[in-house]
Amino acid sequence: MVSFCKQFLLIVVSHETLKGGQRVNEKRLEKGLSPLKLHRIPLIEDTNKEPGDEDKMSSSSLRKKKLGTRIKPFQMNENIPIHPHVIGLTGGIASGKSSIAKRLENLGAGIVDCDALGHRAYLPGTKCFEDVLQAFGDEIKDANGTINRKALGSIVFSNRDALNKLNSIVWPQIAELAKAEIKKLRTEGKDIVVLDAAVLLEANWNKFCHEVWVAIIPPEEAVKRLMDRNGLDPDAAWKRVKVQFSNQERVNIADIVFSTLWEPEFTQKQVMKAWDEVEKVLKSSSL
């Protein structure tokens, strides 16, 4: 029979955690326990660090290096045409998703801006316009007869049922417009098309895409950006953040993940990595 010693003999520390180990021993002495040996080990230097990274190798620095690279093997969506290669780009509010889309456009991608298509869907005379008014009343109309999206937003962002009702009206209309735009960009010769959509996953529009790219930032940073950009108070900003999918829910579906938390040059480096990844796919599919 094998027995194991259940008594702690030492604590492994680094230069950074030495004080923490010393504090543990202080607490042990206060409780009448003998101090533990502190075994100090050096940290591994990160020889491939990016500008602004820590000198040490850590799990956070390794995760940062994965930004812009594939986090799972690519699988072609066989339910849509091979050409063009459609990338669904999504992210939470204030995540910097649109700035990433602009960088991809500069590299030659065709962009389908689903927010802009949403504005088209709300135009007077459309089925969507009539259905939204019927559901939410004439009080959401401006004096010029158009839908006041700010007034509508104040209703739906604080009421899950109201938001679901609006989405059931608007999302199918935007999807049809988006599919038409993808076809148009295909006829214009675009090999890569980015479906830029904040609600890509919530609306299940990723079924129109070959892969999903996601932009994430910490919720606290999203709230700060909303307060700075939109002039929202903290409560209003948190409401908008919490009503969305979480970062983890998006990452679970993502093929590639970005973060705009750092300097613009690092965002560009992530985009270039991702662009290289998709060019590899296009090259292999043409063989």
C-alpha atoms as a PDB file:
ATOM      1  CA  MET A   1       0.000   0.000   0.000  1.00  0.00           C
ATOM      2  CA  VAL A   2       1.363   3.376  -0.996  1.00  0.00           C
ATOM      3  CA  SER A   3       0.949   6.280   1.391  1.00  0.00           C
ATOM      4  CA  PHE A   4       1.352   9.950   0.558  1.00  0.00           C
ATOM      5  CA  CYS A   5       2.638  12.719   2.810  1.00  0.00           C
ATOM      6  CA  LYS A   6      -0.142  15.263   3.234  1.00  0.00           C
ATOM      7  CA  GLN A   7       2.115  17.838   4.907  1.00  0.00           C
ATOM      8  CA  PHE A   8       3.337  20.781   2.823  1.00  0.00           C
ATOM      9  CA  LEU A   9       7.130  20.899   2.666  1.00  0.00           C
ATOM     10  CA  LEU A  10       7.861  23.915   0.503  1.00  0.00           C
ATOM     11  CA  ILE A  11       6.427  26.634  -1.710  1.00  0.00           C
ATOM     12  CA  VAL A  12       7.783  27.160  -5.218  1.00  0.00           C
ATOM     13  CA  VAL A  13       8.077  30.906  -5.905  1.00  0.00           C
ATOM     14  CA  SER A  14       9.533  33.244  -8.487  1.00  0.00           C
ATOM     15  CA  HIS A  15      11.069  36.661  -7.941  1.00  0.00           C
ATOM     16  CA  GLU A  16       7.588  38.152  -8.440  1.00  0.00           C
ATOM     17  CA  THR A  17       5.844  35.866  -5.942  1.00  0.00           C
ATOM     18  CA  LEU A  18       8.567  35.731  -3.270  1.00  0.00           C
ATOM     19  CA  LYS A  19       6.791  38.285  -1.067  1.00  0.00           C
ATOM     20  CA  GLY A  20       3.596  36.241  -1.274  1.00  0.00           C
ATOM     21  CA  GLY A  21       5.461  33.168  -0.069  1.00  0.00           C
ATOM     22  CA  GLN A  22       6.936  35.148   2.799  1.00  0.00           C
ATOM     23  CA  ARG A  23       3.452  36.347   3.731  1.00  0.00           C
ATOM     24  CA  VAL A  24       2.213  32.726   3.826  1.00  0.00           C
ATOM     25  CA  ASN A  25       4.966  31.870   6.297  1.00  0.00           C
ATOM     26  CA  GLU A  26       4.040  34.861   8.464  1.00  0.00           C
ATOM     27  CA  LYS A  27       0.472  33.564   8.651  1.00  0.00           C
ATOM     28  CA  ARG A  28       1.692  30.054   9.455  1.00  0.00           C
ATOM     29  CA  LEU A  29       3.810  31.363  12.335  1.00  0.00           C
ATOM     30  CA  GLU A  30       0.812  33.313  13.666  1.00  0.00           C
ATOM     31  CA  LYS A  31      -1.113  30.017  13.780  1.00  0.00           C
ATOM     32  CA  GLY A  32       1.704  28.131  15.467  1.00  0.00           C
ATOM     33  CA  LEU A  33       2.781  26.260  12.327  1.00  0.00           C
ATOM     34  CA  SER A  34       6.336  25.840  11.147  1.00  0.00           C
ATOM     35  CA  PRO A  35       7.404  27.961   8.160  1.00  0.00           C
ATOM     36  CA  LEU A  36       7.768  26.323   4.767  1.00  0.00           C
ATOM     37  CA  LYS A  37      10.898  26.340   2.691  1.00  0.00           C
ATOM     38  CA  LEU A  38      10.677  28.842  -0.164  1.00  0.00           C
ATOM     39  CA  HIS A  39      12.142  27.308  -3.319  1.00  0.00           C
ATOM     40  CA  ARG A  40      12.798  30.090  -5.808  1.00  0.00           C
ATOM     41  CA  ILE A  41      12.943  29.374  -9.551  1.00  0.00           C
ATOM     42  CA  PRO A  42      13.786  31.766 -12.411  1.00  0.00           C
ATOM     43  CA  LEU A  43      11.142  32.786 -14.905  1.00  0.00           C
ATOM     44  CA  ILE A  44      11.548  31.666 -18.510  1.00  0.00           C
ATOM     45  CA  GLU A  45      12.424  34.563 -20.791  1.00  0.00           C
ATOM     46  CA  ASP A  46      10.138  35.034 -23.797  1.00  0.00           C
ATOM     47  CA  THR A  47      12.571  35.208 -26.705  1.00  0.00           C
ATOM     48  CA  ASN A  48       9.757  35.846 -29.216  1.00  0.00           C
ATOM     49  CA  LYS A  49       7.972  38.632 -27.384  1.00  0.00           C
ATOM     50  CA  GLU A  50       6.080  41.382 -29.212  1.00  0.00           C
ATOM     51  CA  PRO A  51       6.750  45.085 -28.474  1.00  0.00           C
ATOM     52  CA  GLY A  52       5.064  45.929 -25.191  1.00  0.00           C
ATOM     53  CA  ASP A  53       5.030  42.312 -23.977  1.00  0.00           C
ATOM     54  CA  GLU A  54       6.453  41.231 -20.643  1.00  0.00           C
ATOM     55  CA  ASP A  55       9.971  39.800 -20.630  1.00  0.00           C
ATOM     56  CA  LYS A  56       8.744  36.576 -19.012  1.00  0.00           C
ATOM     57  CA  MET A  57       6.835  33.800 -20.742  1.00  0.00           C
ATOM     58  CA  SER A  58       3.320  33.510 -19.313  1.00  0.00           C
ATOM     59  CA  SER A  59      -0.084  32.091 -20.190  1.00  0.00           C
ATOM     60  CA  SER A  60      -1.371  35.609 -20.945  1.00  0.00           C
ATOM     61  CA  SER A  61       1.489  36.334 -23.353  1.00  0.00           C
ATOM     62  CA  LEU A  62       0.918  32.975 -25.094  1.00  0.00           C
ATOM     63  CA  ARG A  63      -2.803  33.778 -25.496  1.00  0.00           C
ATOM     64  CA  LYS A  64      -1.888  37.177 -26.908  1.00  0.00           C
ATOM     65  CA  LYS A  65       0.335  35.525 -29.529  1.00  0.00           C
ATOM     66  CA  LYS A  66      -2.614  33.393 -30.685  1.00  0.00           C
ATOM     67  CA  LEU A  67      -4.651  36.466 -31.627  1.00  0.00           C
ATOM     68  CA  GLY A  68      -5.110  36.545 -35.402  1.00  0.00           C
ATOM     69  CA  THR A  69      -4.273  32.837 -35.802  1.00  0.00           C
ATOM     70  CA  ARG A  70      -6.519  29.814 -36.204  1.00  0.00           C
ATOM     71  CA  ILE A  71      -7.692  28.343 -32.912  1.00  0.00           C
ATOM     72  CA  LYS A  72      -9.246  25.312 -34.604  1.00  0.00           C
ATOM     73  CA  PRO A  73      -8.797  23.548 -37.951  1.00  0.00           C
ATOM     74  CA  PHE A  74     -10.576  25.150 -40.903  1.00  0.00           C
ATOM     75  CA  GLN A  75     -13.643  23.333 -42.231  1.00  0.00           C
ATOM     76  CA  MET A  76     -15.340  24.474 -45.425  1.00  0.00           C
ATOM     77  CA  ASN A  77     -19.058  25.228 -45.167  1.00  0.00           C
ATOM     78  CA  GLU A  78     -20.427  22.893 -47.843  1.00  0.00           C
ATOM     79  CA  ASN A  79     -23.886  24.491 -47.704  1.00  0.00           C
ATOM     80  CA  ILE A  80     -22.766  27.660 -49.492  1.00  0.00           C
ATOM     81  CA  PRO A  81     -20.733  28.277 -52.679  1.00  0.00           C
ATOM     82  CA  ILE A  82     -16.951  27.991 -52.369  1.00  0.00           C
ATOM     83  CA  HIS A  83     -16.565  31.375 -54.077  1.00  0.00           C
ATOM     84  CA  PRO A  84     -16.424  33.951 -52.659  1.00  0.00           C
ATOM     85  CA  HIS A  85     -14.872  32.937 -49.348  1.00  0.00           C
ATOM     86  CA  VAL A  86     -17.250  34.489 -46.817  1.00  0.00           C
ATOM     87  CA  ILE A  87     -15.919  35.446 -43.389  1.00  0.00           C
ATOM     88  CA  GLY A  88     -18.391  36.312 -40.658  1.00  0.00           C
ATOM     89  CA  LEU A  89     -16.850  39.070 -38.538  1.00  0.00           C
ATOM     90  CA  THR A  90     -18.507  39.793 -35.210  1.00  0.00           C
ATOM     91  CA  GLY A  91     -17.840  41.170 -31.752  1.00  0.00           C
ATOM     92  CA  GLY A  92     -19.449  42.899 -28.851  1.00  0.00           C
ATOM     93  CA  ILE A  93     -20.387  46.551 -28.768  1.00  0.00           C
ATOM     94  CA  ALA A  94     -17.326  48.855 -28.862  1.00  0.00           C
ATOM     95  CA  SER A  95     -15.027  45.868 -29.520  1.00  0.00           C
ATOM     96  CA  GLY A  96     -13.335  47.514 -32.512  1.00  0.00           C
ATOM     97  CA  LYS A  97     -14.933  45.088 -34.960  1.00  0.00           C
ATOM     98  CA  SER A  98     -15.606  47.769 -37.576  1.00  0.00           C
ATOM     99  CA  SER A  99     -12.007  48.994 -37.471  1.00  0.00           C
ATOM    100  CA  ILE A 100     -10.900  45.425 -38.203  1.00  0.00           C
ATOM    101  CA  ALA A 101     -13.358  45.281 -41.115  1.00  0.00           C
ATOM    102  CA  LYS A 102     -11.829  48.474 -42.502  1.00  0.00           C
ATOM    103  CA  ARG A 103      -8.356  46.960 -42.294  1.00  0.00           C
ATOM    104  CA  LEU A 104      -9.595  43.877 -44.155  1.00  0.00           C
ATOM    105  CA  GLU A 105     -11.195  46.094 -46.796  1.00  0.00           C
ATOM    106  CA  ASN A 106      -7.832  47.812 -47.290  1.00  0.00           C
ATOM    107  CA  LEU A 107      -6.340  44.371 -47.991  1.00  0.00           C
ATOM    108  CA  GLY A 108      -8.894  43.754 -50.740  1.00  0.00           C
ATOM    109  CA  ALA A 109     -11.878  42.127 -49.041  1.00  0.00           C
ATOM    110  CA  GLY A 110     -15.409  43.049 -50.014  1.00  0.00           C
ATOM    111  CA  ILE A 111     -17.384  44.257 -46.994  1.00  0.00           C
ATOM    112  CA  VAL A 112     -21.053  43.650 -46.252  1.00  0.00           C
ATOM    113  CA  ASP A 113     -21.927  46.140 -43.502  1.00  0.00           C
ATOM    114  CA  CYS A 114     -24.968  44.663 -41.779  1.00  0.00           C
ATOM    115  CA  ASP A 115     -25.482  47.771 -39.656  1.00  0.00           C
ATOM    116  CA  ALA A 116     -25.840  49.813 -42.847  1.00  0.00           C
ATOM    117  CA  LEU A 117     -28.223  47.154 -44.199  1.00  0.00           C
ATOM    118  CA  GLY A 118     -30.199  47.524 -40.977  1.00  0.00           C
ATOM    119  CA  HIS A 119     -30.663  51.214 -41.735  1.00  0.00           C
ATOM    120  CA  ARG A 120     -31.939  50.276 -45.205  1.00  0.00           C
ATOM    121  CA  ALA A 121     -34.344  47.749 -43.719  1.00  0.00           C
ATOM    122  CA  TYR A 122     -35.900  50.480 -41.552  1.00  0.00           C
ATOM    123  CA  LEU A 123     -36.569  52.856 -44.450  1.00  0.00           C
ATOM    124  CA  PRO A 124     -40.173  53.984 -44.998  1.00  0.00           C
ATOM    125  CA  GLY A 125     -42.020  51.858 -47.496  1.00  0.00           C
ATOM    126  CA  THR A 126     -40.289  48.608 -46.593  1.00  0.00           C
ATOM    127  CA  LYS A 127     -42.062  45.651 -45.009  1.00  0.00           C
ATOM    128  CA  CYS A 128     -39.709  45.915 -42.052  1.00  0.00           C
ATOM    129  CA  PHE A 129     -40.691  49.558 -41.482  1.00  0.00           C
ATOM    130  CA  GLU A 130     -44.387  48.712 -41.410  1.00  0.00           C
ATOM    131  CA  ASP A 131     -43.918  45.669 -39.168  1.00  0.00           C
ATOM    132  CA  VAL A 132     -41.802  47.594 -36.645  1.00  0.00           C
ATOM    133  CA  LEU A 133     -44.349  50.404 -36.403  1.00  0.00           C
ATOM    134  CA  GLN A 134     -47.140  47.905 -35.910  1.00  0.00           C
ATOM    135  CA  ALA A 135     -45.197  46.200 -33.130  1.00  0.00           C
ATOM    136  CA  PHE A 136     -43.928  49.296 -31.267  1.00  0.00           C
ATOM    137  CA  GLY A 137     -46.314  52.097 -32.170  1.00  0.00           C
ATOM    138  CA  ASP A 138     -46.095  55.458 -33.907  1.00  0.00           C
ATOM    139  CA  GLU A 139     -44.279  57.022 -30.933  1.00  0.00           C
ATOM    140  CA  ILE A 140     -40.970  55.670 -32.298  1.00  0.00           C
ATOM    141  CA  LYS A 141     -41.385  57.770 -35.470  1.00  0.00           C
ATOM    142  CA  ASP A 142     -39.526  61.041 -36.032  1.00  0.00           C
ATOM    143  CA  ALA A 143     -41.285  64.174 -37.244  1.00  0.00           C
ATOM    144  CA  ASN A 144     -40.058  63.356 -40.771  1.00  0.00           C
ATOM    145  CA  GLY A 145     -41.806  59.979 -40.679  1.00  0.00           C
ATOM    146  CA  THR A 146     -38.745  57.764 -40.260  1.00  0.00           C
ATOM    147  CA  ILE A 147     -38.070  55.399 -37.366  1.00  0.00           C
ATOM    148  CA  ASN A 148     -36.102  56.981 -34.542  1.00  0.00           C
ATOM    149  CA  ARG A 149     -33.649  54.165 -33.802  1.00  0.00           C
ATOM    150  CA  LYS A 150     -32.449  55.863 -30.625  1.00  0.00           C
ATOM    151  CA  ALA A 151     -36.003  55.911 -29.244  1.00  0.00           C
ATOM    152  CA  LEU A 152     -36.493  52.319 -30.341  1.00  0.00           C
ATOM    153  CA  GLY A 153     -33.198  51.329 -28.732  1.00  0.00           C
ATOM    154  CA  SER A 154     -34.230  52.823 -25.384  1.00  0.00           C
ATOM    155  CA  ILE A 155     -37.221  50.458 -25.429  1.00  0.00           C
ATOM    156  CA  VAL A 156     -35.546  47.233 -26.493  1.00  0.00           C
ATOM    157  CA  PHE A 157     -32.181  47.405 -24.738  1.00  0.00           C
ATOM    158  CA  SER A 158     -33.867  47.278 -21.337  1.00  0.00           C
ATOM    159  CA  ASN A 159     -36.479  44.666 -22.230  1.00  0.00           C
ATOM    160  CA  ARG A 160     -35.473  41.208 -23.469  1.00  0.00           C
ATOM    161  CA  ASP A 161     -38.949  40.348 -24.801  1.00  0.00           C
ATOM    162  CA  ALA A 162     -39.135  43.600 -26.742  1.00  0.00           C
ATOM    163  CA  LEU A 163     -35.659  43.009 -28.166  1.00  0.00           C
ATOM    164  CA  ASN A 164     -36.590  39.490 -29.257  1.00  0.00           C
ATOM    165  CA  LYS A 165     -39.715  40.831 -30.959  1.00  0.00           C
ATOM    166  CA  LEU A 166     -37.709  43.453 -32.842  1.00  0.00           C
ATOM    167  CA  ASN A 167     -35.069  40.931 -33.880  1.00  0.00           C
ATOM    168  CA  SER A 168     -37.679  38.527 -35.223  1.00  0.00           C
ATOM    169  CA  ILE A 169     -38.848  41.320 -37.541  1.00  0.00           C
ATOM    170  CA  VAL A 170     -35.561  42.873 -38.603  1.00  0.00           C
ATOM    171  CA  TRP A 171     -33.047  40.005 -38.790  1.00  0.00           C
ATOM    172  CA  PRO A 172     -34.708  38.074 -41.646  1.00  0.00           C
ATOM    173  CA  GLN A 173     -34.908  41.274 -43.717  1.00  0.00           C
ATOM    174  CA  ILE A 174     -31.232  42.092 -43.134  1.00  0.00           C
ATOM    175  CA  ALA A 175     -30.252  38.497 -43.983  1.00  0.00           C
ATOM    176  CA  GLU A 176     -31.891  38.757 -47.399  1.00  0.00           C
ATOM    177  CA  LEU A 177     -30.162  42.072 -48.087  1.00  0.00           C
ATOM    178  CA  ALA A 178     -26.825  40.590 -46.959  1.00  0.00           C
ATOM    179  CA  LYS A 179     -27.119  37.571 -49.258  1.00  0.00           C
ATOM    180  CA  ALA A 180     -27.859  39.911 -52.171  1.00  0.00           C
ATOM    181  CA  GLU A 181     -24.749  41.974 -51.330  1.00  0.00           C
ATOM    182  CA  ILE A 182     -22.576  38.853 -51.228  1.00  0.00           C
ATOM    183  CA  LYS A 183     -23.800  37.876 -54.699  1.00  0.00           C
ATOM    184  CA  LYS A 184     -23.119  41.401 -55.957  1.00  0.00           C
ATOM    185  CA  LEU A 185     -19.559  41.362 -54.611  1.00  0.00           C
ATOM    186  CA  ARG A 186     -19.015  37.957 -56.217  1.00  0.00           C
ATOM    187  CA  THR A 187     -19.951  39.380 -59.626  1.00  0.00           C
ATOM    188  CA  GLU A 188     -17.498  42.228 -58.975  1.00  0.00           C
ATOM    189  CA  GLY A 189     -14.715  39.663 -58.628  1.00  0.00           C
ATOM    190  CA  LYS A 190     -14.177  39.665 -54.873  1.00  0.00           C
ATOM    191  CA  ASP A 191     -12.516  36.453 -53.694  1.00  0.00           C
ATOM    192  CA  ILE A 192     -12.979  37.289 -50.000  1.00  0.00           C
ATOM    193  CA  VAL A 193     -16.127  38.839 -48.544  1.00  0.00           C
ATOM    194  CA  VAL A 194     -16.489  39.899 -44.913  1.00  0.00           C
ATOM    195  CA  LEU A 195     -19.966  39.833 -43.397  1.00  0.00           C
ATOM    196  CA  ASP A 196     -19.546  42.523 -40.725  1.00  0.00           C
ATOM    197  CA  ALA A 197     -22.333  41.857 -38.223  1.00  0.00           C
ATOM    198  CA  ALA A 198     -22.541  42.530 -34.485  1.00  0.00           C
ATOM    199  CA  VAL A 199     -25.323  39.927 -34.167  1.00  0.00           C
ATOM    200  CA  LEU A 200     -23.817  37.368 -36.550  1.00  0.00           C
ATOM    201  CA  LEU A 201     -24.103  34.523 -34.025  1.00  0.00           C
ATOM    202  CA  GLU A 202     -27.302  35.617 -32.318  1.00  0.00           C
ATOM    203  CA  ALA A 203     -29.056  35.809 -35.705  1.00  0.00           C
ATOM    204  CA  ASN A 204     -27.448  32.547 -36.890  1.00  0.00           C
ATOM    205  CA  TRP A 205     -26.007  34.318 -39.957  1.00  0.00           C
ATOM    206  CA  ASN A 206     -22.789  32.322 -39.537  1.00  0.00           C
ATOM    207  CA  LYS A 207     -24.576  29.631 -41.581  1.00  0.00           C
ATOM    208  CA  PHE A 208     -23.925  31.923 -44.605  1.00  0.00           C
ATOM    209  CA  CYS A 209     -20.168  31.966 -43.849  1.00  0.00           C
ATOM    210  CA  HIS A 210     -17.180  29.688 -44.303  1.00  0.00           C
ATOM    211  CA  GLU A 211     -15.644  30.802 -41.021  1.00  0.00           C
ATOM    212  CA  VAL A 212     -16.194  33.128 -38.068  1.00  0.00           C
ATOM    213  CA  TRP A 213     -13.783  35.811 -36.858  1.00  0.00           C
ATOM    214  CA  VAL A 214     -14.433  37.454 -33.495  1.00  0.00           C
ATOM    215  CA  ALA A 215     -13.241  40.702 -31.880  1.00  0.00           C
ATOM    216  CA  ILE A 216     -13.209  40.759 -28.077  1.00  0.00           C
ATOM    217  CA  ILE A 217     -12.297  43.198 -25.314  1.00  0.00           C
ATOM    218  CA  PRO A 218     -12.947  42.953 -21.553  1.00  0.00           C
ATOM    219  CA  PRO A 219     -16.497  44.065 -20.579  1.00  0.00           C
ATOM    220  CA  GLU A 220     -15.049  46.850 -18.432  1.00  0.00           C
ATOM    221  CA  GLU A 221     -13.216  48.256 -21.453  1.00  0.00           C
ATOM    222  CA  ALA A 222     -16.402  48.060 -23.536  1.00  0.00           C
ATOM    223  CA  VAL A 223     -18.268  50.062 -20.873  1.00  0.00           C
ATOM    224  CA  LYS A 224     -15.483  52.672 -20.757  1.00  0.00           C
ATOM    225  CA  ARG A 225     -15.528  53.039 -24.561  1.00  0.00           C
ATOM    226  CA  LEU A 226     -19.316  53.374 -24.608  1.00  0.00           C
ATOM    227  CA  MET A 227     -19.197  56.077 -21.964  1.00  0.00           C
ATOM    228  CA  ASP A 228     -16.499  57.961 -23.881  1.00  0.00           C
ATOM    229  CA  ARG A 229     -17.931  57.427 -27.364  1.00  0.00           C
ATOM    230  CA  ASN A 230     -21.692  57.570 -26.787  1.00  0.00           C
ATOM    231  CA  GLY A 231     -21.853  59.682 -23.654  1.00  0.00           C
ATOM    232  CA  LEU A 232     -23.693  56.946 -21.762  1.00  0.00           C
ATOM    233  CA  ASP A 233     -23.760  56.749 -17.984  1.00  0.00           C
ATOM    234  CA  PRO A 234     -22.290  53.552 -16.426  1.00  0.00           C
ATOM    235  CA  ASP A 235     -25.668  51.872 -15.841  1.00  0.00           C
ATOM    236  CA  ALA A 236     -26.816  52.427 -19.424  1.00  0.00           C
ATOM    237  CA  ALA A 237     -23.480  51.217 -20.787  1.00  0.00           C
ATOM    238  CA  TRP A 238     -23.533  48.041 -18.674  1.00  0.00           C
ATOM    239  CA  LYS A 239     -27.101  47.289 -19.827  1.00  0.00           C
ATOM    240  CA  ARG A 240     -25.961  47.338 -23.448  1.00  0.00           C
ATOM    241  CA  VAL A 241     -22.973  45.118 -22.733  1.00  0.00           C
ATOM    242  CA  LYS A 242     -24.875  42.557 -20.652  1.00  0.00           C
ATOM    243  CA  VAL A 243     -27.691  42.068 -23.179  1.00  0.00           C
ATOM    244  CA  GLN A 244     -25.204  40.635 -25.698  1.00  0.00           C
ATOM    245  CA  PHE A 245     -23.427  37.301 -26.066  1.00  0.00           C
ATOM    246  CA  SER A 246     -20.433  37.022 -23.741  1.00  0.00           C
ATOM    247  CA  ASN A 247     -16.865  36.962 -25.057  1.00  0.00           C
ATOM    248  CA  GLN A 248     -16.628  33.274 -24.170  1.00  0.00           C
ATOM    249  CA  GLU A 249     -19.794  32.415 -26.118  1.00  0.00           C
ATOM    250  CA  ARG A 250     -18.311  34.087 -29.182  1.00  0.00           C
ATOM    251  CA  VAL A 251     -14.854  32.541 -28.777  1.00  0.00           C
ATOM    252  CA  ASN A 252     -16.434  29.075 -28.491  1.00  0.00           C
ATOM    253  CA  ILE A 253     -17.623  29.418 -32.096  1.00  0.00           C
ATOM    254  CA  ALA A 254     -14.728  31.457 -33.497  1.00  0.00           C
ATOM    255  CA  ASP A 255     -12.110  30.277 -35.954  1.00  0.00           C
ATOM    256  CA  ILE A 256      -9.925  33.336 -35.361  1.00  0.00           C
ATOM    257  CA  VAL A 257      -9.990  35.828 -32.472  1.00  0.00           C
ATOM    258  CA  PHE A 258      -8.805  39.458 -32.399  1.00  0.00           C
ATOM    259  CA  SER A 259      -8.507  42.058 -29.660  1.00  0.00           C
ATOM    260  CA  THR A 260      -8.181  45.835 -30.118  1.00  0.00           C
ATOM    261  CA  LEU A 261      -7.138  46.324 -26.498  1.00  0.00           C
ATOM    262  CA  TRP A 262      -3.594  47.378 -27.421  1.00  0.00           C
ATOM    263  CA  GLU A 263      -2.008  49.821 -29.859  1.00  0.00           C
ATOM    264  CA  PRO A 264      -3.307  50.001 -33.480  1.00  0.00           C
ATOM    265  CA  GLU A 265      -0.067  48.505 -34.807  1.00  0.00           C
ATOM    266  CA  PHE A 266      -0.727  45.305 -32.876  1.00  0.00           C
ATOM    267  CA  THR A 267      -4.287  45.155 -34.244  1.00  0.00           C
ATOM    268  CA  GLN A 268      -2.848  45.435 -37.761  1.00  0.00           C
ATOM    269  CA  LYS A 269      -0.400  42.612 -37.012  1.00  0.00           C
ATOM    270  CA  GLN A 270      -3.313  40.383 -35.946  1.00  0.00           C
ATOM    271  CA  VAL A 271      -5.212  41.224 -39.141  1.00  0.00           C
ATOM    272  CA  MET A 272      -2.189  40.396 -41.307  1.00  0.00           C
ATOM    273  CA  LYS A 273      -1.820  37.022 -39.567  1.00  0.00           C
ATOM    274  CA  ALA A 274      -5.491  36.256 -40.215  1.00  0.00           C
ATOM    275  CA  TRP A 275      -5.227  37.412 -43.841  1.00  0.00           C
ATOM    276  CA  ASP A 276      -2.332  35.013 -44.361  1.00  0.00           C
ATOM    277  CA  GLU A 277      -4.473  32.214 -42.906  1.00  0.00           C
ATOM    278  CA  VAL A 278      -7.354  32.825 -45.320  1.00  0.00           C
ATOM    279  CA  GLU A 279      -5.010  33.127 -48.303  1.00  0.00           C
ATOM    280  CA  LYS A 280      -3.679  29.665 -47.428  1.00  0.00           C
ATOM    281  CA  VAL A 281      -7.252  28.346 -47.573  1.00  0.00           C
ATOM    282  CA  LEU A 282      -7.879  29.993 -50.961  1.00  0.00           C
ATOM    283  CA  LYS A 283      -4.646  28.611 -52.332  1.00  0.00           C
ATOM    284  CA  SER A 284      -5.412  25.071 -51.164  1.00  0.00           C
ATOM    285  CA  SER A 285      -8.979  25.200 -52.538  1.00  0.00           C
ATOM    286  CA  SER A 286      -7.711  26.201 -55.988  1.00  0.00           C
ATOM    287  CA  LEU A 287      -5.309  23.262 -56.251  1.00  0.00           C
END
